[in-house]
Protein backbone atom coordinates (compact mmCIF):
# COMPACT_ATOMS: atom_id res chain seq x y z
CA MET A 1 -1.29 -1.27 -18.76
CA LYS A 2 -1.57 1.73 -16.51
CA LEU A 3 -0.96 1.51 -12.79
CA ILE A 4 -0.69 4.50 -10.59
CA SER A 5 -0.76 5.38 -7.02
CA GLY A 6 -3.93 5.84 -8.20
CA THR A 7 -5.41 3.55 -12.80
CA ALA A 8 -5.92 1.23 -14.42
CA PRO A 9 -5.59 -0.72 -15.02
CA ALA A 10 -4.90 1.53 -12.32
CA LEU A 11 -3.95 0.58 -8.83
CA LEU A 12 -4.97 3.53 -6.74
CA LEU A 13 -3.86 4.90 -3.44
CA GLY A 14 -7.01 6.54 -2.36
CA LEU A 15 -10.43 5.07 -2.09
CA ALA A 16 -12.15 7.38 0.37
CA LEU A 17 -13.17 4.79 2.91
CA THR A 18 -13.18 5.31 6.64
CA ALA A 19 -12.14 2.78 9.21
CA CYS A 20 -14.76 0.96 11.19
CA SER A 21 -14.59 -0.89 14.44
CA GLY A 22 -14.47 -4.62 14.74
CA GLY A 23 -12.11 -7.21 13.32
CA GLN A 24 -12.37 -10.11 10.97
CA GLY A 25 -14.20 -12.16 13.56
CA ALA A 26 -16.81 -9.52 14.38
CA ALA A 27 -20.31 -10.04 13.03
CA PRO A 28 -21.18 -6.79 11.25
CA ALA A 29 -24.68 -5.45 11.20
CA ALA A 30 -26.67 -6.06 8.05
CA ALA A 31 -26.10 -3.34 5.47
CA PRO A 32 -29.11 -1.55 4.01
CA ALA A 33 -30.24 -2.65 0.57
CA ILE A 34 -28.68 -0.64 -2.23
CA THR A 35 -30.17 -0.15 -5.67
CA LEU A 36 -27.76 0.51 -8.52
CA VAL A 37 -28.66 3.01 -11.24
CA GLU A 38 -26.66 4.02 -14.30
CA THR A 39 -27.92 7.60 -14.51
CA THR A 40 -29.70 10.26 -12.50
CA PRO A 41 -32.84 12.09 -13.74
CA ALA A 42 -32.02 14.21 -16.76
CA ALA A 43 -31.50 17.93 -16.24
CA THR A 44 -34.11 20.19 -17.79
CA GLY A 45 -32.58 23.61 -17.23
CA ASP A 46 -29.35 25.56 -16.90
CA VAL A 47 -27.50 26.53 -13.73
CA ALA A 48 -25.01 29.35 -13.38
CA LYS A 49 -22.31 27.45 -11.47
CA VAL A 50 -21.69 24.08 -9.83
CA THR A 51 -19.19 23.48 -7.04
CA TRP A 52 -17.76 19.95 -7.16
CA ALA A 53 -15.38 18.24 -4.75
CA LEU A 54 -12.28 16.25 -5.64
CA PRO A 55 -11.73 13.92 -2.64
CA ALA A 56 -8.46 12.63 -4.12
CA GLY A 57 -7.03 16.16 -4.10
CA GLU A 58 -5.50 18.48 -6.68
CA PRO A 59 -4.43 16.83 -9.94
CA ALA A 60 -0.79 17.11 -10.92
CA SER A 61 -1.68 17.68 -14.59
CA LEU A 62 -4.64 17.73 -16.96
CA ASP A 63 -2.57 16.65 -19.96
CA PRO A 64 -4.31 13.45 -21.17
CA ALA A 65 -0.92 11.75 -21.39
CA ARG A 66 -0.47 12.53 -17.69
CA THR A 67 -4.03 11.73 -16.68
CA GLY A 68 -4.19 8.55 -14.68
CA ASP A 69 -6.08 9.08 -11.44
CA TYR A 70 -9.43 10.08 -10.04
CA SER A 71 -8.97 13.84 -9.88
CA ALA A 72 -7.29 14.29 -13.25
CA ASN A 73 -9.89 12.13 -15.00
CA THR A 74 -12.85 13.74 -13.22
CA VAL A 75 -11.83 17.16 -14.50
CA GLY A 76 -9.89 16.47 -17.67
CA THR A 77 -12.42 14.35 -19.53
CA ASN A 78 -14.72 17.38 -19.65
CA LEU A 79 -12.00 19.33 -21.43
CA CYS A 80 -10.16 16.96 -23.77
CA GLU A 81 -12.51 14.54 -25.50
CA SER A 82 -11.69 11.09 -26.80
CA LEU A 83 -12.33 9.50 -30.17
CA LEU A 84 -15.09 7.37 -28.65
CA ARG A 85 -17.52 8.14 -25.84
CA LEU A 86 -18.01 5.92 -22.82
CA GLU A 87 -21.71 5.67 -22.03
CA PRO A 88 -23.25 5.10 -18.55
CA ASP A 89 -23.97 1.44 -19.39
CA TRP A 90 -20.23 0.97 -20.19
CA SER A 91 -20.86 0.75 -23.92
CA THR A 92 -19.16 3.06 -26.41
CA SER A 93 -20.50 5.44 -29.04
CA PRO A 94 -18.90 7.78 -31.61
CA GLY A 95 -17.07 10.77 -30.16
CA LEU A 96 -14.50 12.88 -32.01
CA ALA A 97 -14.37 9.95 -34.41
CA SER A 98 -17.58 9.48 -36.34
CA GLY A 99 -16.40 5.92 -36.88
CA ILE A 100 -13.55 3.53 -36.09
CA VAL A 101 -13.32 0.44 -38.29
CA GLN A 102 -11.10 -2.62 -37.90
CA LYS A 103 -10.31 -2.88 -41.59
CA ASP A 104 -8.24 -6.03 -41.15
CA PRO A 105 -6.38 -7.64 -38.22
CA LEU A 106 -3.46 -5.21 -38.58
CA THR A 107 -5.29 -2.04 -39.63
CA VAL A 108 -7.71 0.31 -37.89
CA VAL A 109 -9.19 3.26 -39.81
CA ILE A 110 -10.43 6.29 -37.86
CA THR A 111 -12.83 8.75 -39.50
CA VAL A 112 -12.40 12.15 -37.83
CA ARG A 113 -15.69 13.95 -37.24
CA ASP A 114 -16.20 16.89 -39.58
CA GLY A 115 -17.12 20.31 -38.21
CA VAL A 116 -15.43 20.02 -34.79
CA THR A 117 -13.47 23.03 -33.58
CA PHE A 118 -11.06 23.66 -30.73
CA TRP A 119 -11.86 26.34 -28.17
CA ASP A 120 -9.91 28.89 -30.23
CA GLY A 121 -12.13 28.23 -33.26
CA SER A 122 -9.60 26.30 -35.33
CA PRO A 123 -10.84 23.04 -36.92
CA LEU A 124 -9.97 19.58 -35.66
CA THR A 125 -7.83 17.88 -38.30
CA ALA A 126 -6.46 14.42 -38.97
CA GLY A 127 -3.06 15.92 -38.14
CA ASP A 128 -4.22 16.75 -34.61
CA VAL A 129 -5.43 13.18 -34.15
CA VAL A 130 -2.17 11.69 -35.45
CA TYR A 131 -0.19 13.98 -33.14
CA SER A 132 -2.35 13.26 -30.09
CA LEU A 133 -2.20 9.50 -30.47
CA SER A 134 1.46 9.38 -31.48
CA ARG A 135 2.72 11.38 -28.51
CA ASN A 136 1.71 8.45 -26.29
CA MET A 137 4.43 6.45 -28.04
CA ASP A 138 7.20 8.95 -27.21
CA PRO A 139 9.37 7.41 -24.46
CA LYS A 140 10.53 10.88 -23.41
CA LEU A 141 6.96 11.85 -22.59
CA ALA A 142 6.43 8.64 -20.57
CA SER A 143 2.70 8.72 -21.22
CA TYR A 144 0.47 6.87 -18.78
CA ALA A 145 -1.22 5.39 -21.86
CA ALA A 146 1.97 4.06 -23.45
CA HIS A 147 0.90 0.45 -22.86
CA VAL A 148 -2.14 0.95 -25.12
CA TYR A 149 0.21 1.62 -28.06
CA ALA A 150 2.63 -1.25 -27.45
CA ASN A 151 1.50 -3.12 -30.56
CA VAL A 152 1.22 -0.07 -32.83
CA ALA A 153 3.63 0.13 -35.77
CA ALA A 154 2.51 3.44 -37.33
CA ILE A 155 -0.14 6.17 -37.11
CA GLU A 156 -0.62 8.35 -40.19
CA ALA A 157 -3.12 10.66 -41.83
CA THR A 158 -4.54 8.94 -44.91
CA GLY A 159 -7.05 11.65 -45.77
CA ASP A 160 -8.23 15.09 -44.69
CA LEU A 161 -10.41 13.45 -42.04
CA GLU A 162 -8.95 9.96 -41.95
CA VAL A 163 -6.28 8.40 -39.76
CA THR A 164 -4.92 4.88 -40.21
CA VAL A 165 -3.33 2.93 -37.38
CA ARG A 166 -1.20 -0.03 -38.37
CA PHE A 167 -0.17 -2.73 -35.93
CA LYS A 168 2.84 -5.01 -35.53
CA THR A 169 0.47 -7.63 -34.20
CA PRO A 170 -3.34 -7.51 -33.89
CA ASP A 171 -4.67 -5.83 -30.76
CA MET A 172 -8.29 -6.55 -29.81
CA GLN A 173 -8.23 -4.01 -26.97
CA PHE A 174 -7.06 -0.97 -28.96
CA VAL A 175 -10.43 0.25 -30.26
CA PRO A 176 -12.22 0.14 -26.86
CA ASP A 177 -9.24 1.99 -25.39
CA MET A 178 -10.12 4.95 -27.60
CA ALA A 179 -13.08 5.65 -25.27
CA GLY A 180 -10.69 6.65 -22.49
CA VAL A 181 -7.85 9.11 -22.07
CA PRO A 182 -5.60 6.98 -24.34
CA GLY A 183 -7.84 8.24 -27.17
CA ALA A 184 -8.05 11.88 -26.02
CA ILE A 185 -7.28 14.58 -28.59
CA VAL A 186 -5.37 17.82 -28.09
CA GLN A 187 -4.44 20.60 -30.51
CA LYS A 188 -1.02 19.98 -32.03
CA ALA A 189 0.03 23.63 -32.39
CA PHE A 190 -0.86 24.66 -28.83
CA THR A 191 0.56 21.53 -27.22
CA SER A 192 3.85 21.75 -29.09
CA LYS A 193 4.28 25.40 -28.12
CA ALA A 194 3.42 24.81 -24.46
CA GLY A 195 5.97 22.01 -24.13
CA PRO A 196 6.36 20.45 -20.68
CA ALA A 197 3.99 23.03 -19.17
CA PHE A 198 1.06 21.71 -21.21
CA GLY A 199 -1.79 20.66 -18.95
CA THR A 200 -0.51 22.51 -15.89
CA ALA A 201 -1.79 25.60 -14.10
CA THR A 202 0.69 27.73 -16.06
CA GLY A 203 0.71 25.96 -19.42
CA GLY A 204 -3.01 25.53 -20.03
CA LEU A 205 -4.80 23.33 -22.56
CA MET A 206 -6.37 23.49 -25.99
CA CYS A 207 -9.03 20.87 -26.64
CA THR A 208 -12.57 20.49 -28.04
CA GLY A 209 -14.68 19.60 -24.99
CA PRO A 210 -17.92 21.10 -23.69
CA PHE A 211 -15.94 23.10 -21.10
CA GLU A 212 -12.82 25.23 -21.33
CA LEU A 213 -10.14 25.59 -18.67
CA ALA A 214 -10.81 29.06 -17.26
CA GLY A 215 -8.62 29.13 -14.17
CA TRP A 216 -6.44 27.10 -11.85
CA GLN A 217 -5.63 28.41 -8.39
CA SER A 218 -3.12 25.93 -7.03
CA GLY A 219 -4.17 24.55 -3.68
CA GLN A 220 -7.69 25.95 -4.02
CA LYS A 221 -9.70 25.16 -7.13
CA ILE A 222 -9.87 24.57 -10.87
CA THR A 223 -12.53 26.49 -12.80
CA LEU A 224 -14.13 25.40 -16.06
CA GLU A 225 -16.41 27.57 -18.19
CA ARG A 226 -18.96 26.40 -20.73
CA ASN A 227 -17.81 26.19 -24.34
CA ASP A 228 -20.67 27.98 -26.09
CA THR A 229 -19.40 26.94 -29.53
CA TYR A 230 -19.30 23.24 -28.66
CA TRP A 231 -19.77 21.07 -31.75
CA ASP A 232 -22.48 18.76 -30.34
CA ALA A 233 -25.62 20.79 -29.68
CA THR A 234 -27.26 17.81 -27.96
CA ARG A 235 -24.47 17.71 -25.35
CA LYS A 236 -23.94 21.43 -24.78
CA ALA A 237 -23.18 22.01 -21.10
CA LYS A 238 -26.10 23.12 -18.93
CA ALA A 239 -23.84 24.65 -16.29
CA GLY A 240 -22.22 27.99 -17.04
CA ALA A 241 -19.21 27.07 -14.92
CA PHE A 242 -17.78 24.35 -12.68
CA ASP A 243 -15.53 24.97 -9.70
CA PHE A 244 -13.58 21.88 -8.66
CA VAL A 245 -12.39 22.20 -5.06
CA PHE A 246 -9.89 19.95 -3.31
CA LEU A 247 -11.40 18.36 -0.19
CA THR A 248 -9.43 15.31 0.90
CA ASP A 249 -10.68 15.10 4.49
CA SER A 250 -13.78 12.94 4.64
CA SER A 251 -15.37 14.80 7.55
CA THR A 252 -14.83 18.19 5.95
CA LEU A 253 -16.21 16.93 2.65
CA THR A 254 -19.29 15.43 4.28
CA SER A 255 -20.01 18.65 6.16
CA ALA A 256 -19.67 20.66 2.95
CA LEU A 257 -22.11 18.37 1.15
CA LEU A 258 -24.65 18.42 3.98
CA SER A 259 -24.49 22.22 4.28
CA GLY A 260 -24.80 22.78 0.54
CA GLU A 261 -21.40 24.47 0.31
CA VAL A 262 -20.45 21.79 -2.23
CA ASP A 263 -23.01 20.60 -4.79
CA GLY A 264 -21.67 17.18 -5.67
CA VAL A 265 -18.96 14.56 -5.53
CA TYR A 266 -17.97 11.24 -7.03
CA GLY A 267 -16.50 8.88 -4.46
CA ALA A 268 -18.62 10.05 -1.54
CA PRO A 269 -17.03 8.83 1.73
CA VAL A 270 -18.17 5.33 2.62
CA GLY A 271 -18.22 6.23 6.29
CA SER A 272 -20.73 8.99 5.55
CA ILE A 273 -23.21 6.88 3.58
CA ALA A 274 -25.83 6.84 6.33
CA ALA A 275 -25.57 10.60 6.95
CA LEU A 276 -25.78 11.41 3.25
CA GLN A 277 -28.76 9.10 2.78
CA ARG A 278 -30.62 10.91 5.56
CA SER A 279 -29.75 14.33 4.19
CA GLY A 280 -32.46 16.68 3.03
CA THR A 281 -29.82 18.60 1.08
CA GLY A 282 -29.54 16.13 -1.76
CA SER A 283 -29.50 12.50 -2.86
CA LEU A 284 -26.89 9.73 -2.71
CA TYR A 285 -26.80 7.46 -5.75
CA PHE A 286 -25.01 4.14 -6.24
CA GLY A 287 -23.96 2.99 -9.69
CA PRO A 288 -22.16 0.11 -11.40
CA SER A 289 -18.38 0.39 -11.25
CA THR A 290 -15.12 -1.29 -12.22
CA GLU A 291 -13.41 -0.31 -8.96
CA THR A 292 -11.87 -3.04 -6.81
CA VAL A 293 -10.17 -3.47 -3.43
CA SER A 294 -7.34 -6.03 -3.40
CA LEU A 295 -4.27 -7.42 -1.71
CA GLY A 296 -1.50 -7.50 -4.29
CA ALA A 297 1.41 -9.93 -4.03
CA VAL A 298 4.59 -7.99 -4.80
CA ALA A 299 7.39 -10.48 -4.05
CA ALA A 300 9.09 -12.72 -6.61
CA ASP A 301 10.25 -15.09 -3.89
CA GLY A 302 9.19 -16.11 -0.41
CA PRO A 303 5.66 -16.97 0.79
CA ALA A 304 3.81 -14.39 -1.36
CA ALA A 305 5.27 -15.94 -4.52
CA ASP A 306 3.65 -19.28 -3.61
CA PRO A 307 0.09 -19.50 -5.01
CA ARG A 308 -0.90 -21.73 -2.09
CA ILE A 309 -0.15 -18.97 0.42
CA ARG A 310 -2.11 -16.47 -1.69
CA GLN A 311 -4.99 -18.92 -1.98
CA ALA A 312 -4.88 -19.52 1.76
CA LEU A 313 -5.16 -15.80 2.53
CA ASP A 314 -7.97 -15.53 0.02
CA LEU A 315 -9.87 -18.34 1.74
CA ALA A 316 -9.23 -16.88 5.20
CA ILE A 317 -10.96 -13.56 4.50
CA ASP A 318 -14.75 -13.36 4.54
CA LYS A 319 -15.45 -11.04 1.61
CA THR A 320 -19.14 -10.78 2.39
CA ALA A 321 -18.30 -9.46 5.85
CA PHE A 322 -15.70 -7.15 4.32
CA VAL A 323 -18.34 -5.58 2.07
CA THR A 324 -20.68 -5.08 4.98
CA SER A 325 -18.20 -3.75 7.53
CA VAL A 326 -15.75 -1.78 5.40
CA LEU A 327 -17.78 -0.80 2.35
CA LYS A 328 -21.02 -0.38 4.30
CA GLY A 329 -22.77 -2.56 1.75
CA ALA A 330 -21.67 -0.39 -1.18
CA GLY A 331 -20.00 -3.21 -3.08
CA ALA A 332 -19.97 -6.93 -3.70
CA PRO A 333 -17.45 -9.78 -3.52
CA LEU A 334 -15.54 -10.44 -6.75
CA LYS A 335 -14.03 -13.71 -7.94
CA THR A 336 -11.12 -12.12 -9.80
CA PHE A 337 -9.58 -8.73 -10.54
CA THR A 338 -11.39 -8.09 -13.86
CA PRO A 339 -14.95 -7.05 -12.96
CA PRO A 340 -17.87 -8.21 -15.15
CA LEU A 341 -18.86 -4.62 -15.99
CA SER A 342 -15.78 -4.45 -18.22
CA TRP A 343 -17.36 -6.77 -20.80
CA GLN A 344 -21.04 -5.85 -20.51
CA GLY A 345 -21.06 -4.15 -23.91
CA SER A 346 -19.22 -6.94 -25.69
CA PRO A 347 -21.01 -9.06 -28.30
CA ALA A 348 -19.35 -12.00 -26.54
CA LYS A 349 -20.85 -11.09 -23.15
CA ASN A 350 -22.36 -14.56 -22.69
CA VAL A 351 -18.95 -16.20 -23.12
CA TYR A 352 -17.37 -13.91 -20.54
CA ASP A 353 -20.29 -14.34 -18.13
CA ALA A 354 -20.10 -18.12 -18.31
CA GLY A 355 -16.35 -18.05 -17.71
CA TYR A 356 -16.75 -15.81 -14.69
CA ALA A 357 -19.55 -17.97 -13.27
CA ALA A 358 -17.30 -21.03 -13.50
CA LEU A 359 -14.59 -19.49 -11.29
CA PRO A 360 -14.44 -20.70 -7.67
CA ASP A 361 -16.55 -18.66 -5.25
CA THR A 362 -14.43 -17.75 -2.21
CA SER A 363 -16.68 -15.01 -0.85
CA LYS A 364 -17.12 -16.93 2.42
CA ALA A 365 -14.14 -17.83 4.58
CA ASP A 366 -12.98 -21.44 4.76
CA LEU A 367 -10.35 -21.54 7.48
CA GLU A 368 -9.83 -25.30 7.41
CA ALA A 369 -9.05 -25.29 3.69
CA ALA A 370 -6.78 -22.27 4.21
CA LYS A 371 -4.84 -23.94 7.03
CA LYS A 372 -4.39 -27.04 4.89
CA LEU A 373 -2.85 -24.96 2.08
CA VAL A 374 -0.41 -23.32 4.49
CA THR A 375 0.62 -26.75 5.81
CA GLU A 376 1.17 -28.00 2.24
CA ALA A 377 3.18 -24.92 1.31
CA ALA A 378 5.39 -25.20 4.40
CA PRO A 379 6.70 -21.66 3.84
CA SER A 380 10.30 -20.88 4.73
CA ARG A 381 8.94 -18.13 6.97
CA THR A 382 5.50 -17.42 8.38
CA GLY A 383 6.03 -13.71 8.93
CA LEU A 384 4.61 -11.50 6.17
CA VAL A 385 4.73 -7.76 5.59
CA ILE A 386 1.88 -5.79 4.02
CA ALA A 387 2.42 -2.18 2.95
CA ILE A 388 -0.11 0.62 2.80
CA PRO A 389 0.15 4.38 2.22
CA ALA A 390 0.30 6.29 5.50
CA GLY A 391 -2.90 8.10 6.36
CA GLU A 392 -5.19 5.94 4.22
CA GLN A 393 -7.61 4.72 6.87
CA SER A 394 -9.56 2.53 4.44
CA LEU A 395 -6.48 0.62 3.41
CA LEU A 396 -5.36 0.38 7.04
CA GLN A 397 -8.72 -1.23 7.78
CA THR A 398 -8.20 -3.63 4.87
CA ALA A 399 -4.68 -4.51 5.99
CA THR A 400 -5.89 -5.06 9.56
CA ILE A 401 -8.48 -7.53 8.32
CA ALA A 402 -5.80 -9.36 6.31
CA GLN A 403 -3.58 -9.37 9.39
CA ALA A 404 -6.30 -10.98 11.51
CA ALA A 405 -7.02 -13.55 8.80
CA ALA A 406 -3.34 -14.46 8.50
CA GLN A 407 -3.11 -15.06 12.23
CA GLN A 408 -6.04 -17.49 12.09
CA ILE A 409 -4.18 -19.73 9.61
CA GLY A 410 -0.78 -19.80 11.26
CA LEU A 411 0.82 -16.76 9.62
CA THR A 412 1.77 -13.40 11.03
CA MET A 413 1.44 -10.16 9.12
CA THR A 414 3.05 -6.84 9.95
CA VAL A 415 1.47 -3.68 8.58
CA ARG A 416 4.04 -1.20 7.24
CA GLN A 417 2.84 2.33 6.52
CA LEU A 418 4.84 4.15 3.86
CA GLN A 419 4.79 7.75 2.77
CA PRO A 420 2.59 8.15 -0.34
CA ALA A 421 5.51 8.80 -2.70
CA GLU A 422 7.38 5.76 -1.41
CA PHE A 423 4.28 3.62 -1.67
CA ALA A 424 3.69 4.78 -5.26
CA GLY A 425 7.25 3.78 -6.09
CA LEU A 426 6.52 0.17 -5.13
CA PHE A 427 4.58 -0.25 -8.35
CA TYR A 428 7.60 0.45 -10.55
CA ASP A 429 10.79 0.00 -8.53
CA PRO A 430 11.68 -3.59 -7.54
CA GLY A 431 14.21 -2.28 -5.05
CA LEU A 432 11.48 -0.60 -3.04
CA ARG A 433 9.58 -3.87 -2.84
CA GLN A 434 12.36 -5.63 -0.97
CA GLY A 435 11.11 -6.92 2.37
CA ILE A 436 7.45 -6.48 1.41
CA ASP A 437 5.13 -9.36 0.56
CA PHE A 438 1.77 -7.69 -0.11
CA ILE A 439 0.20 -4.29 -0.63
CA ALA A 440 -3.36 -3.26 0.15
CA THR A 441 -4.62 -1.26 -2.80
CA THR A 442 -7.55 -0.20 -4.90
CA GLY A 443 -7.90 -0.04 -8.66
CA TYR A 444 -10.19 0.46 -11.60
CA LEU A 445 -10.63 -0.05 -15.33
CA GLU A 446 -11.33 3.16 -17.20
CA VAL A 447 -12.46 1.65 -20.51
CA PRO A 448 -14.46 -1.39 -21.63
CA GLY A 449 -12.68 -4.64 -22.36
CA ALA A 450 -11.63 -7.70 -20.38
CA LEU A 451 -8.16 -7.42 -21.90
CA TYR A 452 -7.35 -4.03 -20.40
CA TYR A 453 -6.23 -5.45 -17.05
CA ALA A 454 -5.02 -9.05 -17.34
CA PRO A 455 -1.97 -8.83 -19.65
CA GLY A 456 -0.12 -6.53 -17.29
CA PHE A 457 -0.46 -8.99 -14.43
CA VAL A 458 -0.07 -12.41 -16.03
CA LEU A 459 2.44 -12.14 -18.88
CA LYS A 460 6.10 -12.79 -18.15
CA GLY A 461 7.98 -9.53 -17.72
CA ALA A 462 4.77 -7.45 -17.61
CA PRO A 463 5.06 -4.36 -15.40
CA PHE A 464 2.74 -5.65 -12.68
CA ASN A 465 3.67 -9.31 -12.74
CA TRP A 466 5.55 -8.87 -9.47
CA THR A 467 5.60 -12.55 -8.46
CA GLY A 468 7.25 -13.79 -11.65
CA TYR A 469 4.09 -15.68 -12.68
CA ASP A 470 4.71 -17.65 -15.87
CA ASP A 471 2.24 -20.15 -17.26
CA PRO A 472 2.75 -21.10 -20.95
CA GLY A 473 -0.94 -21.89 -21.44
CA VAL A 474 -2.04 -18.59 -19.93
CA THR A 475 0.51 -16.70 -22.03
CA ALA A 476 -0.66 -18.39 -25.22
CA ASN A 477 -4.33 -17.76 -24.50
CA ILE A 478 -3.90 -14.12 -23.46
CA ALA A 479 -1.70 -13.40 -26.48
CA GLY A 480 -4.24 -15.17 -28.64
CA ALA A 481 -7.13 -13.23 -27.12
CA VAL A 482 -5.38 -9.91 -27.78
CA ALA A 483 -4.57 -10.88 -31.38
CA GLU A 484 -8.00 -12.37 -32.18
CA THR A 485 -10.34 -9.90 -33.90
CA ASP A 486 -13.38 -12.17 -33.64
CA PRO A 487 -15.00 -11.16 -30.30
CA ALA A 488 -16.31 -14.64 -29.46
CA LYS A 489 -13.00 -16.37 -30.19
CA SER A 490 -11.11 -13.72 -28.24
CA ALA A 491 -13.47 -14.18 -25.29
CA GLU A 492 -13.01 -17.95 -25.37
CA LYS A 493 -9.23 -17.57 -25.15
CA PHE A 494 -9.49 -15.03 -22.34
CA VAL A 495 -11.85 -17.26 -20.37
CA ALA A 496 -9.50 -20.22 -20.79
CA ALA A 497 -6.62 -18.14 -19.43
CA GLN A 498 -8.72 -16.72 -16.59
CA ALA A 499 -9.68 -20.24 -15.48
CA VAL A 500 -5.98 -20.75 -14.69
CA PHE A 501 -4.69 -17.36 -13.53
CA GLY A 502 -7.84 -16.46 -11.59
CA PRO A 503 -7.43 -19.17 -8.93
CA ALA A 504 -3.70 -18.32 -8.71
CA LYS A 505 -4.75 -15.10 -6.93
CA LEU A 506 -2.04 -12.79 -8.26
CA GLN A 507 -4.36 -10.17 -6.85
CA ILE A 508 -6.44 -11.29 -3.87
CA THR A 509 -9.54 -9.37 -4.86
CA LEU A 510 -11.69 -8.69 -1.82
CA ALA A 511 -14.56 -6.83 -3.47
CA GLY A 512 -15.79 -4.57 -6.19
CA THR A 513 -17.08 -1.21 -4.98
CA HIS A 514 -20.17 0.62 -6.20
CA ASN A 515 -19.79 4.13 -7.56
CA ARG A 516 -21.03 6.66 -4.99
CA LEU A 517 -22.43 9.96 -6.27
CA PHE A 518 -23.96 12.71 -4.14
CA LEU A 519 -25.94 15.50 -5.79
CA ASN A 520 -27.42 18.56 -4.15
CA LYS A 521 -31.14 18.77 -4.85
CA ARG A 522 -30.61 21.85 -7.02
CA ILE A 523 -28.79 19.79 -9.68
CA THR A 524 -29.24 16.50 -11.52
CA GLY A 525 -28.20 14.73 -14.71
CA ALA A 526 -24.79 13.31 -13.77
CA PRO A 527 -24.20 9.66 -14.69
CA ALA A 528 -24.34 7.47 -11.59
CA SER A 529 -22.12 4.74 -13.01
CA PHE A 530 -18.33 4.81 -12.98
CA SER A 531 -18.43 5.88 -16.64
CA TYR A 532 -17.72 9.42 -15.44
CA ILE A 533 -14.05 8.43 -15.20
CA SER A 534 -13.74 8.58 -19.00
CA SER A 535 -16.61 10.81 -20.15
CA ALA A 536 -17.59 14.48 -20.37
CA TRP A 537 -20.11 13.93 -17.58
CA ALA A 538 -20.27 17.53 -16.34
CA ALA A 539 -22.02 18.67 -19.53
CA LEU A 540 -25.08 16.67 -18.42
CA VAL A 541 -25.39 18.41 -15.04
CA GLY A 542 -28.05 21.09 -14.73
CA ALA A 543 -31.24 22.10 -12.98
CA PRO A 544 -33.94 19.46 -12.31
């Protein structure tokens, strides 16, 4: 499982929300109706250049093994393609693999697409695929995708265009993971030669995507140029070049969009929704997404480790009001941390949907029930601490709402703002979590599959099981779901586990957020759904 100060399973530092006035008790104005679309109108012509904003700032690396946040994914997936493609409806289709077959519970066979070349003209080989996948298993590299390969025993070339992956134990989630950066392919020779500099402004890249890395001016922009020898003629880029600029200030970004200085952005500022909707410069689109806003319990003892306290906080917060006031209507309450979009392409969709529908609905506050839970828990202390990254106004707003809710049920909550690096360390260093009960955070799933998120939170010893949660039935069902290759049986086991761990509120999920895409009227074609996070979306952008 991947968590960052930004995936993942990612828990992310920066959802570009802006604070709004009013507290938990304020009655927010009704949000305008929002229609979700998966795509924008297809482009019909070419454009010379597109300027695109990265509101999360400059990526640290474009190496797929180091790609685990908004900016790196937004750029890098247009350069280094994966074995499968993630489509706007969150389904998958063949990518650099013409086929991936689960031969038996412990064996997956990948057929490498014939005729694909890297930017330097050399052919894609089974050896490149073996190298690319295997490097995620190297502990020295510390790949963000290492969790995807936890059950892998061996990866080997079994033909000129065939790769066989063998598992220590079956892994239902592995094949869908190949639609994201865990399945991205790089050239072995170039990557080996570049060493630690691979994927940086100085080390460069060598991949197969519809764009090539043409320039990287640190602190200013990253430039991609169209790959005119791209293997898929139906997906050849319509833009001659893309300039990705780093605009982290919401006001500056909004002004640049409204003036036409910047052509587009994913993650348009929530506080600017009304202004962007009124703009004559372009259009604001909302699409399905796997993004979530949550309060994460990070303490293995004390009040936050007690499910009754977590349940009480969950019941004390009106999620419908949260969506209206904080997200400006661009989202919806969620019952648990795994959003339904993650399983929409599954043949067992009906099983997952029924399991989700059966979960308790806590979208409306129930203060009396919350107070009763606090009384039953009789916590050793009523003072709680919630941490947020300094400067993140959206998460400050979220923490303030949690603080007001806690006060209403007999608890007190202190908001502690940490420097971004220190906050990021909370996810991995137990020492840094001392004295902290909760964090306000955002997150997302980057690939299909209900099993991408849950194991990392609910299994004993898992990296994000910060409260020490341990339920034998949940463990058995999650392990069984991962090992079960029949989709319906796997879904049944997952749903049975979710029925138990969901109400335990290991993550107090406040809402899922809609994807927000702004396009200048001179361009179109970008997917409106959150699928951009794992797809070569920029190739679709062109003239109307």
